[in-house]
N, C-alpha and C. Protein backbone atom coordinates (compact mmCIF):
# COMPACT_ATOMS: atom_id res chain seq x y z
N MET A 1 67.16 78.60 74.18
CA MET A 1 67.28 79.37 75.40
C MET A 1 68.28 80.52 75.25
N ALA A 2 68.86 80.64 74.07
CA ALA A 2 69.84 81.71 73.83
C ALA A 2 69.29 83.10 74.19
N PRO A 3 68.01 83.42 73.95
CA PRO A 3 67.52 84.75 74.30
C PRO A 3 67.56 85.06 75.80
N ARG A 4 67.73 84.06 76.63
CA ARG A 4 67.80 84.30 78.08
C ARG A 4 69.18 84.78 78.52
N VAL A 5 70.19 84.59 77.66
CA VAL A 5 71.56 85.00 78.01
C VAL A 5 71.74 86.47 77.66
N PRO A 6 72.10 87.32 78.63
CA PRO A 6 72.30 88.74 78.33
C PRO A 6 73.37 88.93 77.25
N GLU A 7 73.13 89.87 76.34
CA GLU A 7 74.06 90.10 75.24
C GLU A 7 75.44 90.54 75.70
N ASP A 8 75.52 91.18 76.86
CA ASP A 8 76.81 91.69 77.33
C ASP A 8 77.57 90.66 78.18
N VAL A 9 77.10 89.42 78.21
CA VAL A 9 77.78 88.36 78.97
C VAL A 9 78.23 87.27 78.01
N PRO A 10 79.50 87.28 77.59
CA PRO A 10 79.99 86.16 76.78
C PRO A 10 80.00 84.91 77.67
N LEU A 11 79.22 83.94 77.31
CA LEU A 11 79.01 82.77 78.16
C LEU A 11 79.38 81.50 77.40
N VAL A 12 80.10 80.62 78.07
CA VAL A 12 80.41 79.30 77.53
C VAL A 12 79.86 78.27 78.50
N LEU A 13 79.01 77.39 77.99
CA LEU A 13 78.49 76.28 78.78
C LEU A 13 79.25 75.03 78.37
N THR A 14 79.78 74.30 79.36
CA THR A 14 80.54 73.10 79.08
C THR A 14 79.99 71.94 79.90
N ALA A 15 79.52 70.91 79.20
CA ALA A 15 78.99 69.72 79.88
C ALA A 15 80.17 68.85 80.31
N THR A 16 80.16 68.44 81.56
CA THR A 16 81.24 67.60 82.09
C THR A 16 80.98 66.12 81.87
N ASP A 17 79.75 65.76 81.50
CA ASP A 17 79.41 64.35 81.29
C ASP A 17 79.18 64.05 79.81
N ARG A 18 79.44 64.99 78.95
CA ARG A 18 79.32 64.83 77.50
C ARG A 18 80.45 65.62 76.84
N THR A 19 80.61 65.43 75.56
CA THR A 19 81.57 66.25 74.82
C THR A 19 80.79 67.36 74.13
N LEU A 20 80.31 68.29 74.93
CA LEU A 20 79.48 69.37 74.42
C LEU A 20 79.89 70.68 75.07
N SER A 21 80.03 71.69 74.23
CA SER A 21 80.31 73.03 74.70
C SER A 21 79.54 73.99 73.81
N ARG A 22 78.96 75.01 74.41
CA ARG A 22 78.15 75.97 73.65
C ARG A 22 78.52 77.38 74.06
N ARG A 23 78.76 78.25 73.08
CA ARG A 23 79.12 79.65 73.34
C ARG A 23 77.93 80.54 73.01
N TYR A 24 77.70 81.52 73.88
CA TYR A 24 76.67 82.53 73.67
C TYR A 24 77.31 83.90 73.78
N GLY A 25 76.91 84.82 72.93
CA GLY A 25 77.37 86.19 73.01
C GLY A 25 78.80 86.38 72.54
N SER A 26 79.20 87.63 72.55
CA SER A 26 80.56 88.00 72.19
C SER A 26 80.86 89.32 72.88
N GLY A 27 82.08 89.75 72.80
CA GLY A 27 82.44 91.02 73.42
C GLY A 27 83.82 90.99 74.02
N ASP A 28 84.19 92.12 74.59
CA ASP A 28 85.53 92.28 75.16
C ASP A 28 85.62 91.98 76.64
N VAL A 29 84.49 91.83 77.30
CA VAL A 29 84.53 91.53 78.73
C VAL A 29 84.95 90.08 78.92
N PRO A 30 85.48 89.74 80.08
CA PRO A 30 85.91 88.36 80.30
C PRO A 30 84.77 87.36 80.12
N THR A 31 85.10 86.25 79.51
CA THR A 31 84.12 85.19 79.28
C THR A 31 83.76 84.51 80.60
N VAL A 32 82.49 84.22 80.75
CA VAL A 32 82.00 83.47 81.90
C VAL A 32 81.83 82.03 81.43
N THR A 33 82.45 81.09 82.16
CA THR A 33 82.35 79.68 81.83
C THR A 33 81.57 78.97 82.92
N VAL A 34 80.51 78.28 82.52
CA VAL A 34 79.70 77.51 83.46
C VAL A 34 79.83 76.04 83.06
N SER A 35 80.25 75.21 84.01
CA SER A 35 80.47 73.79 83.75
C SER A 35 79.62 72.96 84.69
N GLY A 36 79.19 71.81 84.18
CA GLY A 36 78.42 70.87 84.99
C GLY A 36 77.80 69.82 84.11
N ARG A 37 77.04 68.93 84.72
CA ARG A 37 76.35 67.90 83.96
C ARG A 37 75.36 68.55 83.00
N LEU A 38 75.15 67.95 81.84
CA LEU A 38 74.30 68.51 80.81
C LEU A 38 72.89 68.82 81.33
N GLY A 39 72.30 67.89 82.07
CA GLY A 39 70.97 68.12 82.62
C GLY A 39 70.92 69.29 83.58
N ASP A 40 71.98 69.47 84.36
CA ASP A 40 72.03 70.58 85.30
C ASP A 40 72.21 71.91 84.56
N LEU A 41 73.01 71.91 83.50
CA LEU A 41 73.15 73.12 82.69
C LEU A 41 71.81 73.50 82.06
N ALA A 42 71.11 72.50 81.53
CA ALA A 42 69.81 72.75 80.91
C ALA A 42 68.81 73.26 81.95
N ALA A 43 68.83 72.69 83.13
CA ALA A 43 67.93 73.14 84.18
C ALA A 43 68.18 74.61 84.51
N TRP A 44 69.43 74.98 84.72
CA TRP A 44 69.77 76.37 85.05
C TRP A 44 69.37 77.31 83.92
N LEU A 45 69.67 76.93 82.70
CA LEU A 45 69.39 77.79 81.55
C LEU A 45 67.88 77.99 81.35
N THR A 46 67.07 77.03 81.78
CA THR A 46 65.62 77.16 81.65
C THR A 46 64.96 77.71 82.91
N GLY A 47 65.76 78.07 83.91
CA GLY A 47 65.21 78.70 85.10
C GLY A 47 64.87 77.75 86.23
N ARG A 48 65.29 76.49 86.11
CA ARG A 48 65.06 75.53 87.19
C ARG A 48 66.33 75.35 88.01
N ARG A 49 66.19 74.72 89.14
CA ARG A 49 67.34 74.49 90.02
C ARG A 49 68.06 73.22 89.57
N PRO A 50 69.39 73.33 89.35
CA PRO A 50 70.17 72.13 88.99
C PRO A 50 70.20 71.15 90.17
N HIS A 51 70.28 69.85 89.86
CA HIS A 51 70.40 68.84 90.91
C HIS A 51 71.78 68.90 91.56
N GLN A 52 72.80 69.13 90.77
CA GLN A 52 74.18 69.24 91.26
C GLN A 52 74.66 70.67 91.04
N PRO A 53 75.55 71.16 91.91
CA PRO A 53 76.06 72.52 91.73
C PRO A 53 76.81 72.68 90.41
N LEU A 54 76.71 73.87 89.85
CA LEU A 54 77.45 74.21 88.64
C LEU A 54 78.70 74.99 89.03
N ASP A 55 79.75 74.83 88.25
CA ASP A 55 81.00 75.56 88.47
C ASP A 55 81.00 76.76 87.54
N CYS A 56 81.10 77.95 88.09
CA CYS A 56 81.10 79.17 87.29
C CYS A 56 82.42 79.91 87.52
N ARG A 57 83.05 80.30 86.41
CA ARG A 57 84.33 81.01 86.49
C ARG A 57 84.33 82.18 85.52
N ARG A 58 84.95 83.26 85.95
CA ARG A 58 85.17 84.43 85.12
C ARG A 58 86.67 84.73 85.17
N SER A 59 87.30 84.69 84.02
CA SER A 59 88.76 84.87 83.93
C SER A 59 89.49 83.87 84.81
N GLY A 60 88.96 82.66 84.93
CA GLY A 60 89.60 81.60 85.70
C GLY A 60 89.29 81.60 87.18
N ALA A 61 88.67 82.67 87.69
CA ALA A 61 88.35 82.77 89.12
C ALA A 61 86.90 82.36 89.36
N VAL A 62 86.65 81.71 90.48
CA VAL A 62 85.29 81.32 90.84
C VAL A 62 84.41 82.57 90.89
N ALA A 63 83.22 82.46 90.31
CA ALA A 63 82.30 83.60 90.25
C ALA A 63 80.87 83.09 90.42
N PRO A 64 79.96 83.99 90.81
CA PRO A 64 78.55 83.58 90.90
C PRO A 64 77.98 83.37 89.50
N LEU A 65 76.96 82.54 89.41
CA LEU A 65 76.29 82.33 88.13
C LEU A 65 75.70 83.65 87.66
N PRO A 66 75.79 83.93 86.38
CA PRO A 66 75.20 85.19 85.89
C PRO A 66 73.67 85.13 85.95
N GLU A 67 73.07 86.30 86.10
CA GLU A 67 71.61 86.40 86.08
C GLU A 67 71.15 86.27 84.63
N LEU A 68 70.18 85.41 84.42
CA LEU A 68 69.63 85.23 83.09
C LEU A 68 68.42 86.14 82.90
N LEU A 69 68.11 86.44 81.65
CA LEU A 69 66.95 87.26 81.35
C LEU A 69 65.68 86.40 81.46
N GLY A 70 64.54 87.06 81.45
CA GLY A 70 63.27 86.35 81.54
C GLY A 70 62.97 85.58 80.26
N TRP A 71 61.87 84.87 80.28
CA TRP A 71 61.46 84.10 79.11
C TRP A 71 61.13 85.05 77.96
N PRO A 72 61.58 84.70 76.76
CA PRO A 72 61.32 85.59 75.60
C PRO A 72 59.85 85.59 75.21
């Protein structure tokens, strides 16, 4: 699902119910961190609605989830 993450959005996904973290992209803009249950992260990344809300932060402040690109 990496192609769905915009190149200009450094994104870190962190599962709260597993010991898993995944980084996408690079750059100088502040990193966006999205945290939640692994299944909910996978649902969001594939374009489905998560069962539980995800926590999204940019530079430590609460932020809206970034818009993902369409299917490759």
